[in-house]
Amino acid sequence: MQQFNNPNADFGTQHSPPLEGCPQDGVVNNQSSKNYYLINDIIIYHKPKLNLPCNINLKERAKALRYAENLPEVLFWMQITKKRFHKIDFDRQRIIGNYIVDFYIKKLGLVIEIDGDSHDDKEVYDKAREEYFFSLGLKVYRITVDDVMKNMEFALMGLEEYIINEYA
């Protein structure tokens, strides 16, 4: 994924392009005025992170990634799309700064990454990327490709448990 460096900026802003041109609040659904999700009878209040930086030059790349048919991502998407996972709205291939994340829950400020072979030997890159997200007040949850491919129920239960532990 594309990354820009500015040696005169601190870490929190060096990867942050301007805000213009990218969706900030996603699709607005006026039917639901609740400011929380309910997971296993536990209230999870929305904690949206608005006005995230977005490199509009990555729009075509994000679109291409959505249509690339990465099997683990597609299988996971089929489980969560259309608010199938506790009525939570997920974005797929969301641009945040100069990065494209696999999935994003805007009302929680939660990045979800599915880690496979593409992340091998990229620990330094992944750590810098994660620190950038943390600097924006976001949280990051990682799911392995093996869990998605071999035990989707376990992967979804792990995400559910993480959301409860971090946001309840």
N, C-alpha and C. Protein backbone atom coordinates (compact mmCIF):
# COMPACT_ATOMS: atom_id res chain seq x y z
N MET A 1 0.83 -1.17 0.00
CA MET A 1 0.00 0.00 0.00
C MET A 1 0.88 1.24 0.00
N GLN A 2 0.39 2.25 -0.61
CA GLN A 2 1.16 3.46 -0.80
C GLN A 2 1.32 4.22 0.51
N GLN A 3 2.52 4.79 0.68
CA GLN A 3 2.79 5.53 1.90
C GLN A 3 3.63 6.75 1.53
N PHE A 4 3.34 7.90 2.12
CA PHE A 4 4.07 9.11 1.84
C PHE A 4 4.79 9.55 3.10
N ASN A 5 5.98 10.03 2.96
CA ASN A 5 6.76 10.47 4.12
C ASN A 5 7.10 11.94 4.00
N ASN A 6 6.98 12.62 5.10
CA ASN A 6 7.37 14.01 5.20
C ASN A 6 8.32 14.11 6.38
N PRO A 7 9.62 14.28 6.14
CA PRO A 7 10.58 14.27 7.24
C PRO A 7 10.39 15.42 8.22
N ASN A 8 9.65 16.45 7.86
CA ASN A 8 9.45 17.59 8.75
C ASN A 8 8.22 17.46 9.62
N ALA A 9 7.48 16.35 9.48
CA ALA A 9 6.23 16.20 10.25
C ALA A 9 6.41 15.14 11.32
N ASP A 10 5.61 15.24 12.37
CA ASP A 10 5.68 14.19 13.37
C ASP A 10 4.91 12.97 12.87
N PHE A 11 5.04 11.83 13.59
CA PHE A 11 4.48 10.58 13.09
C PHE A 11 2.98 10.67 12.87
N GLY A 12 2.28 11.33 13.78
CA GLY A 12 0.82 11.39 13.69
C GLY A 12 0.31 12.10 12.46
N THR A 13 1.09 13.01 11.90
CA THR A 13 0.61 13.74 10.73
C THR A 13 1.37 13.42 9.46
N GLN A 14 2.52 12.76 9.55
CA GLN A 14 3.30 12.54 8.34
C GLN A 14 2.60 11.62 7.35
N HIS A 15 1.69 10.79 7.82
CA HIS A 15 0.98 9.89 6.94
C HIS A 15 -0.43 10.39 6.65
N SER A 16 -0.73 11.61 7.04
CA SER A 16 -2.09 12.12 6.93
C SER A 16 -2.25 13.09 5.78
N PRO A 17 -2.92 12.68 4.73
CA PRO A 17 -3.24 13.60 3.64
C PRO A 17 -4.43 14.46 4.06
N PRO A 18 -4.79 15.42 3.25
CA PRO A 18 -5.95 16.27 3.57
C PRO A 18 -7.23 15.44 3.64
N LEU A 19 -8.25 16.00 4.28
CA LEU A 19 -9.51 15.31 4.49
C LEU A 19 -10.43 15.34 3.28
N GLU A 20 -10.26 16.31 2.38
CA GLU A 20 -11.23 16.49 1.31
C GLU A 20 -11.30 15.28 0.39
N GLY A 21 -12.49 15.03 -0.11
CA GLY A 21 -12.69 14.01 -1.13
C GLY A 21 -13.00 12.63 -0.63
N CYS A 22 -12.98 12.37 0.66
CA CYS A 22 -13.26 11.03 1.18
C CYS A 22 -14.46 11.07 2.10
N PRO A 23 -15.21 9.98 2.14
CA PRO A 23 -16.40 9.95 3.00
C PRO A 23 -15.99 10.00 4.46
N GLN A 24 -16.69 10.77 5.23
CA GLN A 24 -16.37 10.89 6.65
C GLN A 24 -17.36 10.14 7.52
N ASP A 25 -18.62 10.21 7.20
CA ASP A 25 -19.64 9.61 8.05
C ASP A 25 -20.29 8.39 7.43
N GLY A 26 -19.94 8.03 6.21
CA GLY A 26 -20.55 6.89 5.56
C GLY A 26 -21.99 7.17 5.20
N VAL A 27 -22.73 6.14 4.97
CA VAL A 27 -24.13 6.25 4.59
C VAL A 27 -24.94 6.55 5.84
N VAL A 28 -25.79 7.53 5.76
CA VAL A 28 -26.62 7.91 6.89
C VAL A 28 -27.95 7.18 6.78
N ASN A 29 -28.31 6.48 7.84
CA ASN A 29 -29.57 5.76 7.89
C ASN A 29 -30.43 6.41 8.95
N ASN A 30 -31.43 7.15 8.53
CA ASN A 30 -32.28 7.87 9.48
C ASN A 30 -33.28 6.98 10.19
N GLN A 31 -33.38 5.70 9.80
CA GLN A 31 -34.33 4.81 10.44
C GLN A 31 -33.90 4.43 11.85
N SER A 32 -32.62 4.43 12.11
CA SER A 32 -32.13 3.99 13.42
C SER A 32 -31.48 5.16 14.13
N SER A 33 -32.09 5.59 15.23
CA SER A 33 -31.54 6.71 15.98
C SER A 33 -30.78 6.22 17.21
N LYS A 34 -30.66 4.90 17.38
CA LYS A 34 -29.93 4.37 18.53
C LYS A 34 -28.45 4.73 18.41
N ASN A 35 -27.85 5.02 19.54
CA ASN A 35 -26.41 5.34 19.53
C ASN A 35 -25.62 4.19 20.16
N TYR A 36 -26.14 2.98 20.01
CA TYR A 36 -25.44 1.82 20.54
C TYR A 36 -25.79 0.57 19.74
N TYR A 37 -24.93 -0.44 19.90
CA TYR A 37 -25.19 -1.78 19.38
C TYR A 37 -25.50 -2.65 20.58
N LEU A 38 -26.16 -3.76 20.34
CA LEU A 38 -26.44 -4.72 21.39
C LEU A 38 -25.81 -6.04 20.98
N ILE A 39 -24.81 -6.48 21.74
CA ILE A 39 -24.13 -7.74 21.46
C ILE A 39 -24.28 -8.63 22.70
N ASN A 40 -24.98 -9.74 22.53
CA ASN A 40 -25.21 -10.67 23.65
C ASN A 40 -25.77 -9.94 24.87
N ASP A 41 -26.73 -9.08 24.63
CA ASP A 41 -27.40 -8.30 25.68
C ASP A 41 -26.46 -7.31 26.38
N ILE A 42 -25.34 -7.01 25.77
CA ILE A 42 -24.40 -6.03 26.30
C ILE A 42 -24.44 -4.81 25.41
N ILE A 43 -24.61 -3.64 26.01
CA ILE A 43 -24.69 -2.39 25.25
C ILE A 43 -23.28 -1.93 24.88
N ILE A 44 -23.10 -1.66 23.60
CA ILE A 44 -21.84 -1.15 23.06
C ILE A 44 -22.17 0.22 22.46
N TYR A 45 -21.78 1.29 23.15
CA TYR A 45 -22.08 2.64 22.67
C TYR A 45 -21.19 3.00 21.50
N HIS A 46 -21.75 3.74 20.55
CA HIS A 46 -20.99 4.23 19.41
C HIS A 46 -19.93 5.21 19.89
N LYS A 47 -18.74 5.09 19.34
CA LYS A 47 -17.65 6.01 19.62
C LYS A 47 -16.99 6.36 18.29
N PRO A 48 -17.74 7.03 17.42
CA PRO A 48 -17.22 7.26 16.06
C PRO A 48 -16.01 8.18 16.06
N LYS A 49 -15.14 7.90 15.11
CA LYS A 49 -13.99 8.76 14.85
C LYS A 49 -14.28 9.43 13.51
N LEU A 50 -14.58 10.73 13.57
CA LEU A 50 -14.93 11.47 12.37
C LEU A 50 -13.74 12.25 11.86
N ASN A 51 -13.85 12.75 10.65
CA ASN A 51 -12.83 13.58 10.02
C ASN A 51 -11.48 12.89 9.95
N LEU A 52 -11.49 11.62 9.57
CA LEU A 52 -10.23 10.89 9.39
C LEU A 52 -9.56 11.36 8.11
N PRO A 53 -8.24 11.45 8.12
CA PRO A 53 -7.53 11.83 6.89
C PRO A 53 -7.70 10.76 5.82
N CYS A 54 -7.63 11.19 4.58
CA CYS A 54 -7.90 10.27 3.47
C CYS A 54 -7.13 10.74 2.23
N ASN A 55 -6.33 9.87 1.68
CA ASN A 55 -5.61 10.15 0.45
C ASN A 55 -6.51 9.78 -0.72
N ILE A 56 -7.12 10.78 -1.36
CA ILE A 56 -8.06 10.50 -2.44
C ILE A 56 -7.39 9.82 -3.63
N ASN A 57 -6.07 9.89 -3.71
CA ASN A 57 -5.35 9.21 -4.80
C ASN A 57 -5.44 7.69 -4.67
N LEU A 58 -5.89 7.19 -3.53
CA LEU A 58 -6.01 5.75 -3.33
C LEU A 58 -7.40 5.20 -3.65
N LYS A 59 -8.32 6.07 -4.09
CA LYS A 59 -9.70 5.64 -4.35
C LYS A 59 -9.76 4.50 -5.37
N GLU A 60 -9.06 4.62 -6.46
CA GLU A 60 -9.10 3.57 -7.49
C GLU A 60 -8.47 2.28 -6.98
N ARG A 61 -7.39 2.40 -6.21
CA ARG A 61 -6.75 1.21 -5.63
C ARG A 61 -7.71 0.50 -4.66
N ALA A 62 -8.41 1.26 -3.82
CA ALA A 62 -9.36 0.68 -2.88
C ALA A 62 -10.49 -0.03 -3.64
N LYS A 63 -10.96 0.60 -4.70
CA LYS A 63 -12.02 0.01 -5.51
C LYS A 63 -11.53 -1.29 -6.15
N ALA A 64 -10.32 -1.28 -6.67
CA ALA A 64 -9.75 -2.49 -7.27
C ALA A 64 -9.61 -3.60 -6.24
N LEU A 65 -9.22 -3.25 -5.02
CA LEU A 65 -9.10 -4.27 -3.96
C LEU A 65 -10.45 -4.87 -3.60
N ARG A 66 -11.50 -4.06 -3.64
CA ARG A 66 -12.85 -4.58 -3.34
C ARG A 66 -13.27 -5.63 -4.36
N TYR A 67 -12.82 -5.47 -5.59
CA TYR A 67 -13.21 -6.39 -6.66
C TYR A 67 -12.16 -7.45 -6.94
N ALA A 68 -11.10 -7.50 -6.16
CA ALA A 68 -10.01 -8.45 -6.40
C ALA A 68 -10.38 -9.87 -6.00
N GLU A 69 -11.46 -10.02 -5.26
CA GLU A 69 -11.94 -11.33 -4.84
C GLU A 69 -10.90 -12.11 -4.04
N ASN A 70 -10.32 -11.45 -3.06
CA ASN A 70 -9.45 -12.10 -2.09
C ASN A 70 -10.35 -13.02 -1.27
N LEU A 71 -10.18 -14.33 -1.40
CA LEU A 71 -11.13 -15.29 -0.84
C LEU A 71 -11.39 -15.11 0.65
N PRO A 72 -10.37 -14.99 1.51
CA PRO A 72 -10.67 -14.80 2.93
C PRO A 72 -11.49 -13.54 3.20
N GLU A 73 -11.17 -12.46 2.51
CA GLU A 73 -11.92 -11.22 2.70
C GLU A 73 -13.35 -11.36 2.20
N VAL A 74 -13.54 -12.02 1.08
CA VAL A 74 -14.89 -12.21 0.54
C VAL A 74 -15.72 -13.07 1.50
N LEU A 75 -15.14 -14.15 2.02
CA LEU A 75 -15.87 -15.01 2.95
C LEU A 75 -16.25 -14.26 4.22
N PHE A 76 -15.31 -13.46 4.73
CA PHE A 76 -15.60 -12.67 5.93
C PHE A 76 -16.69 -11.64 5.62
N TRP A 77 -16.56 -10.98 4.47
CA TRP A 77 -17.54 -9.96 4.06
C TRP A 77 -18.95 -10.56 3.97
N MET A 78 -19.04 -11.78 3.48
CA MET A 78 -20.35 -12.43 3.35
C MET A 78 -21.01 -12.63 4.72
N GLN A 79 -20.20 -12.75 5.77
CA GLN A 79 -20.74 -12.93 7.11
C GLN A 79 -21.17 -11.62 7.77
N ILE A 80 -20.58 -10.51 7.34
CA ILE A 80 -20.81 -9.24 8.04
C ILE A 80 -21.58 -8.21 7.23
N THR A 81 -21.64 -8.39 5.92
CA THR A 81 -22.29 -7.40 5.07
C THR A 81 -23.78 -7.29 5.38
N LYS A 82 -24.35 -6.19 5.04
CA LYS A 82 -25.78 -5.91 5.25
C LYS A 82 -26.17 -6.06 6.73
N LYS A 83 -25.24 -5.67 7.59
CA LYS A 83 -25.47 -5.64 9.05
C LYS A 83 -25.83 -7.01 9.62
N ARG A 84 -25.27 -8.07 9.04
CA ARG A 84 -25.54 -9.43 9.52
C ARG A 84 -24.87 -9.71 10.86
N PHE A 85 -23.83 -8.99 11.18
CA PHE A 85 -23.10 -9.20 12.43
C PHE A 85 -23.58 -8.16 13.43
N HIS A 86 -24.54 -8.52 14.25
CA HIS A 86 -25.09 -7.66 15.31
C HIS A 86 -25.56 -6.30 14.80
N LYS A 87 -26.02 -6.26 13.55
CA LYS A 87 -26.53 -5.03 12.93
C LYS A 87 -25.47 -3.92 12.85
N ILE A 88 -24.21 -4.33 12.79
CA ILE A 88 -23.10 -3.37 12.71
C ILE A 88 -22.77 -3.14 11.24
N ASP A 89 -22.57 -1.88 10.88
CA ASP A 89 -22.24 -1.49 9.51
C ASP A 89 -20.71 -1.48 9.35
N PHE A 90 -20.21 -2.27 8.40
CA PHE A 90 -18.78 -2.36 8.10
C PHE A 90 -18.51 -1.70 6.75
N ASP A 91 -17.37 -1.05 6.64
CA ASP A 91 -16.86 -0.59 5.34
C ASP A 91 -15.78 -1.57 4.92
N ARG A 92 -15.69 -1.83 3.64
CA ARG A 92 -14.66 -2.72 3.10
C ARG A 92 -13.67 -1.89 2.29
N GLN A 93 -12.38 -2.16 2.50
CA GLN A 93 -11.30 -1.45 1.80
C GLN A 93 -11.45 0.05 1.99
N ARG A 94 -11.46 0.47 3.21
CA ARG A 94 -11.62 1.89 3.59
C ARG A 94 -10.25 2.57 3.59
N ILE A 95 -10.19 3.75 3.03
CA ILE A 95 -8.96 4.55 3.02
C ILE A 95 -8.89 5.34 4.32
N ILE A 96 -7.78 5.17 5.03
CA ILE A 96 -7.52 5.96 6.24
C ILE A 96 -6.09 6.48 6.09
N GLY A 97 -5.97 7.79 5.94
CA GLY A 97 -4.65 8.37 5.70
C GLY A 97 -4.13 7.88 4.37
N ASN A 98 -2.92 7.35 4.38
CA ASN A 98 -2.32 6.81 3.17
C ASN A 98 -2.37 5.29 3.15
N TYR A 99 -3.30 4.73 3.89
CA TYR A 99 -3.45 3.28 3.98
C TYR A 99 -4.85 2.86 3.58
N ILE A 100 -4.97 1.62 3.15
CA ILE A 100 -6.27 1.03 2.88
C ILE A 100 -6.41 -0.14 3.83
N VAL A 101 -7.46 -0.11 4.65
CA VAL A 101 -7.68 -1.18 5.62
C VAL A 101 -8.69 -2.17 5.06
N ASP A 102 -8.61 -3.41 5.52
CA ASP A 102 -9.52 -4.45 5.01
C ASP A 102 -10.97 -4.11 5.34
N PHE A 103 -11.25 -3.85 6.62
CA PHE A 103 -12.61 -3.53 7.06
C PHE A 103 -12.53 -2.45 8.13
N TYR A 104 -13.61 -1.67 8.23
CA TYR A 104 -13.64 -0.58 9.20
C TYR A 104 -15.06 -0.41 9.72
N ILE A 105 -15.18 -0.29 11.04
CA ILE A 105 -16.47 0.02 11.67
C ILE A 105 -16.39 1.46 12.12
N LYS A 106 -17.01 2.35 11.36
CA LYS A 106 -16.88 3.78 11.63
C LYS A 106 -17.50 4.19 12.96
N LYS A 107 -18.59 3.56 13.36
CA LYS A 107 -19.25 3.96 14.61
C LYS A 107 -18.49 3.51 15.85
N LEU A 108 -17.46 2.68 15.65
CA LEU A 108 -16.61 2.28 16.78
C LEU A 108 -15.17 2.77 16.61
N GLY A 109 -14.81 3.20 15.43
CA GLY A 109 -13.42 3.56 15.18
C GLY A 109 -12.54 2.33 15.25
N LEU A 110 -13.02 1.23 14.64
CA LEU A 110 -12.32 -0.06 14.70
C LEU A 110 -11.91 -0.52 13.31
N VAL A 111 -10.61 -0.76 13.17
CA VAL A 111 -10.03 -1.32 11.95
C VAL A 111 -9.94 -2.83 12.14
N ILE A 112 -10.36 -3.59 11.13
CA ILE A 112 -10.24 -5.04 11.18
C ILE A 112 -9.38 -5.47 10.00
N GLU A 113 -8.31 -6.17 10.32
CA GLU A 113 -7.37 -6.63 9.31
C GLU A 113 -7.38 -8.15 9.28
N ILE A 114 -7.40 -8.71 8.10
CA ILE A 114 -7.26 -10.16 7.94
C ILE A 114 -5.83 -10.41 7.49
N ASP A 115 -5.08 -11.07 8.38
CA ASP A 115 -3.64 -11.28 8.16
C ASP A 115 -3.35 -12.64 7.57
N GLY A 116 -2.68 -12.62 6.43
CA GLY A 116 -2.24 -13.85 5.77
C GLY A 116 -0.79 -13.73 5.39
N ASP A 117 -0.40 -14.44 4.34
CA ASP A 117 0.98 -14.46 3.89
C ASP A 117 1.49 -13.08 3.51
N SER A 118 0.61 -12.20 3.08
CA SER A 118 1.05 -10.86 2.66
C SER A 118 1.63 -10.07 3.83
N HIS A 119 1.35 -10.49 5.06
CA HIS A 119 1.86 -9.79 6.23
C HIS A 119 3.15 -10.41 6.77
N ASP A 120 3.55 -11.57 6.22
CA ASP A 120 4.79 -12.20 6.66
C ASP A 120 5.96 -11.29 6.33
N ASP A 121 6.89 -11.19 7.24
CA ASP A 121 8.10 -10.37 7.09
C ASP A 121 7.79 -8.89 6.93
N LYS A 122 6.64 -8.44 7.39
CA LYS A 122 6.28 -7.02 7.32
C LYS A 122 5.94 -6.49 8.69
N GLU A 123 6.58 -7.04 9.71
CA GLU A 123 6.27 -6.65 11.09
C GLU A 123 6.52 -5.16 11.32
N VAL A 124 7.60 -4.63 10.79
CA VAL A 124 7.95 -3.22 10.99
C VAL A 124 6.91 -2.34 10.31
N TYR A 125 6.55 -2.67 9.09
CA TYR A 125 5.53 -1.92 8.35
C TYR A 125 4.19 -1.97 9.08
N ASP A 126 3.78 -3.18 9.48
CA ASP A 126 2.49 -3.34 10.17
C ASP A 126 2.48 -2.57 11.49
N LYS A 127 3.61 -2.56 12.20
CA LYS A 127 3.68 -1.84 13.48
C LYS A 127 3.54 -0.34 13.25
N ALA A 128 4.24 0.20 12.25
CA ALA A 128 4.15 1.64 11.94
C ALA A 128 2.74 2.00 11.52
N ARG A 129 2.13 1.16 10.74
CA ARG A 129 0.76 1.37 10.27
C ARG A 129 -0.20 1.38 11.45
N GLU A 130 -0.04 0.41 12.33
CA GLU A 130 -0.89 0.31 13.51
C GLU A 130 -0.71 1.52 14.44
N GLU A 131 0.53 1.96 14.62
CA GLU A 131 0.79 3.14 15.45
C GLU A 131 0.12 4.37 14.86
N TYR A 132 0.10 4.46 13.55
CA TYR A 132 -0.59 5.57 12.90
C TYR A 132 -2.08 5.53 13.23
N PHE A 133 -2.69 4.37 13.11
CA PHE A 133 -4.11 4.25 13.43
C PHE A 133 -4.37 4.61 14.90
N PHE A 134 -3.50 4.14 15.78
CA PHE A 134 -3.64 4.48 17.21
C PHE A 134 -3.54 5.98 17.41
N SER A 135 -2.66 6.66 16.66
CA SER A 135 -2.51 8.11 16.80
C SER A 135 -3.78 8.85 16.41
N LEU A 136 -4.62 8.22 15.62
CA LEU A 136 -5.91 8.80 15.21
C LEU A 136 -7.03 8.42 16.19
N GLY A 137 -6.69 7.65 17.21
CA GLY A 137 -7.69 7.22 18.19
C GLY A 137 -8.44 5.96 17.78
N LEU A 138 -7.94 5.25 16.78
CA LEU A 138 -8.58 4.03 16.31
C LEU A 138 -8.02 2.81 17.04
N LYS A 139 -8.78 1.75 17.00
CA LYS A 139 -8.33 0.46 17.53
C LYS A 139 -8.19 -0.49 16.34
N VAL A 140 -7.34 -1.51 16.50
CA VAL A 140 -7.09 -2.45 15.42
C VAL A 140 -7.29 -3.87 15.94
N TYR A 141 -8.06 -4.65 15.20
CA TYR A 141 -8.26 -6.06 15.53
C TYR A 141 -7.82 -6.89 14.34
N ARG A 142 -7.00 -7.91 14.61
CA ARG A 142 -6.46 -8.76 13.55
C ARG A 142 -7.07 -10.15 13.62
N ILE A 143 -7.40 -10.68 12.45
CA ILE A 143 -7.93 -12.03 12.31
C ILE A 143 -7.01 -12.76 11.33
N THR A 144 -6.66 -14.00 11.63
CA THR A 144 -5.79 -14.74 10.71
C THR A 144 -6.60 -15.32 9.56
N VAL A 145 -5.95 -15.48 8.44
CA VAL A 145 -6.57 -16.11 7.27
C VAL A 145 -7.02 -17.52 7.64
N ASP A 146 -6.20 -18.24 8.41
CA ASP A 146 -6.56 -19.60 8.80
C ASP A 146 -7.88 -19.63 9.56
N ASP A 147 -8.08 -18.68 10.47
CA ASP A 147 -9.34 -18.64 11.22
C ASP A 147 -10.52 -18.39 10.29
N VAL A 148 -10.35 -17.49 9.35
CA VAL A 148 -11.44 -17.19 8.41
C VAL A 148 -11.73 -18.41 7.53
N MET A 149 -10.70 -19.06 7.05
CA MET A 149 -10.87 -20.16 6.11
C MET A 149 -11.31 -21.46 6.78
N LYS A 150 -10.84 -21.69 8.01
CA LYS A 150 -11.07 -23.00 8.63
C LYS A 150 -12.07 -22.96 9.79
N ASN A 151 -12.27 -21.77 10.37
CA ASN A 151 -13.15 -21.70 11.53
C ASN A 151 -13.75 -20.30 11.64
N MET A 152 -14.65 -20.00 10.72
CA MET A 152 -15.26 -18.67 10.66
C MET A 152 -15.99 -18.35 11.97
N GLU A 153 -16.66 -19.33 12.54
CA GLU A 153 -17.39 -19.09 13.78
C GLU A 153 -16.44 -18.60 14.88
N PHE A 154 -15.26 -19.21 14.96
CA PHE A 154 -14.25 -18.79 15.93
C PHE A 154 -13.80 -17.36 15.65
N ALA A 155 -13.59 -17.03 14.37
CA ALA A 155 -13.15 -15.69 13.99
C ALA A 155 -14.20 -14.64 14.38
N LEU A 156 -15.46 -14.93 14.14
CA LEU A 156 -16.53 -14.00 14.48
C LEU A 156 -16.72 -13.89 15.99
N MET A 157 -16.58 -15.00 16.70
CA MET A 157 -16.67 -14.96 18.17
C MET A 157 -15.53 -14.14 18.76
N GLY A 158 -14.34 -14.24 18.16
CA GLY A 158 -13.20 -13.45 18.63
C GLY A 158 -13.45 -11.97 18.44
N LEU A 159 -14.00 -11.59 17.30
CA LEU A 159 -14.33 -10.19 17.04
C LEU A 159 -15.40 -9.71 18.01
N GLU A 160 -16.40 -10.51 18.21
CA GLU A 160 -17.48 -10.19 19.16
C GLU A 160 -16.90 -9.95 20.56
N GLU A 161 -16.05 -10.85 21.01
CA GLU A 161 -15.43 -10.73 22.34
C GLU A 161 -14.56 -9.48 22.43
N TYR A 162 -13.81 -9.20 21.37
CA TYR A 162 -12.96 -8.01 21.35
C TYR A 162 -13.80 -6.74 21.50
N ILE A 163 -14.87 -6.65 20.72
CA ILE A 163 -15.74 -5.46 20.77
C ILE A 163 -16.32 -5.30 22.18
N ILE A 164 -16.79 -6.37 22.75
CA ILE A 164 -17.35 -6.30 24.11
C ILE A 164 -16.29 -5.83 25.11
N ASN A 165 -15.09 -6.43 25.05
CA ASN A 165 -14.03 -6.07 25.99
C ASN A 165 -13.53 -4.65 25.82
N GLU A 166 -13.48 -4.16 24.60
CA GLU A 166 -12.90 -2.84 24.34
C GLU A 166 -13.91 -1.69 24.40
N TYR A 167 -15.18 -1.99 24.15
CA TYR A 167 -16.15 -0.91 23.99
C TYR A 167 -17.31 -0.92 25.01
N ALA A 168 -17.51 -2.03 25.72
CA ALA A 168 -18.64 -2.10 26.66
C ALA A 168 -18.36 -1.27 27.90
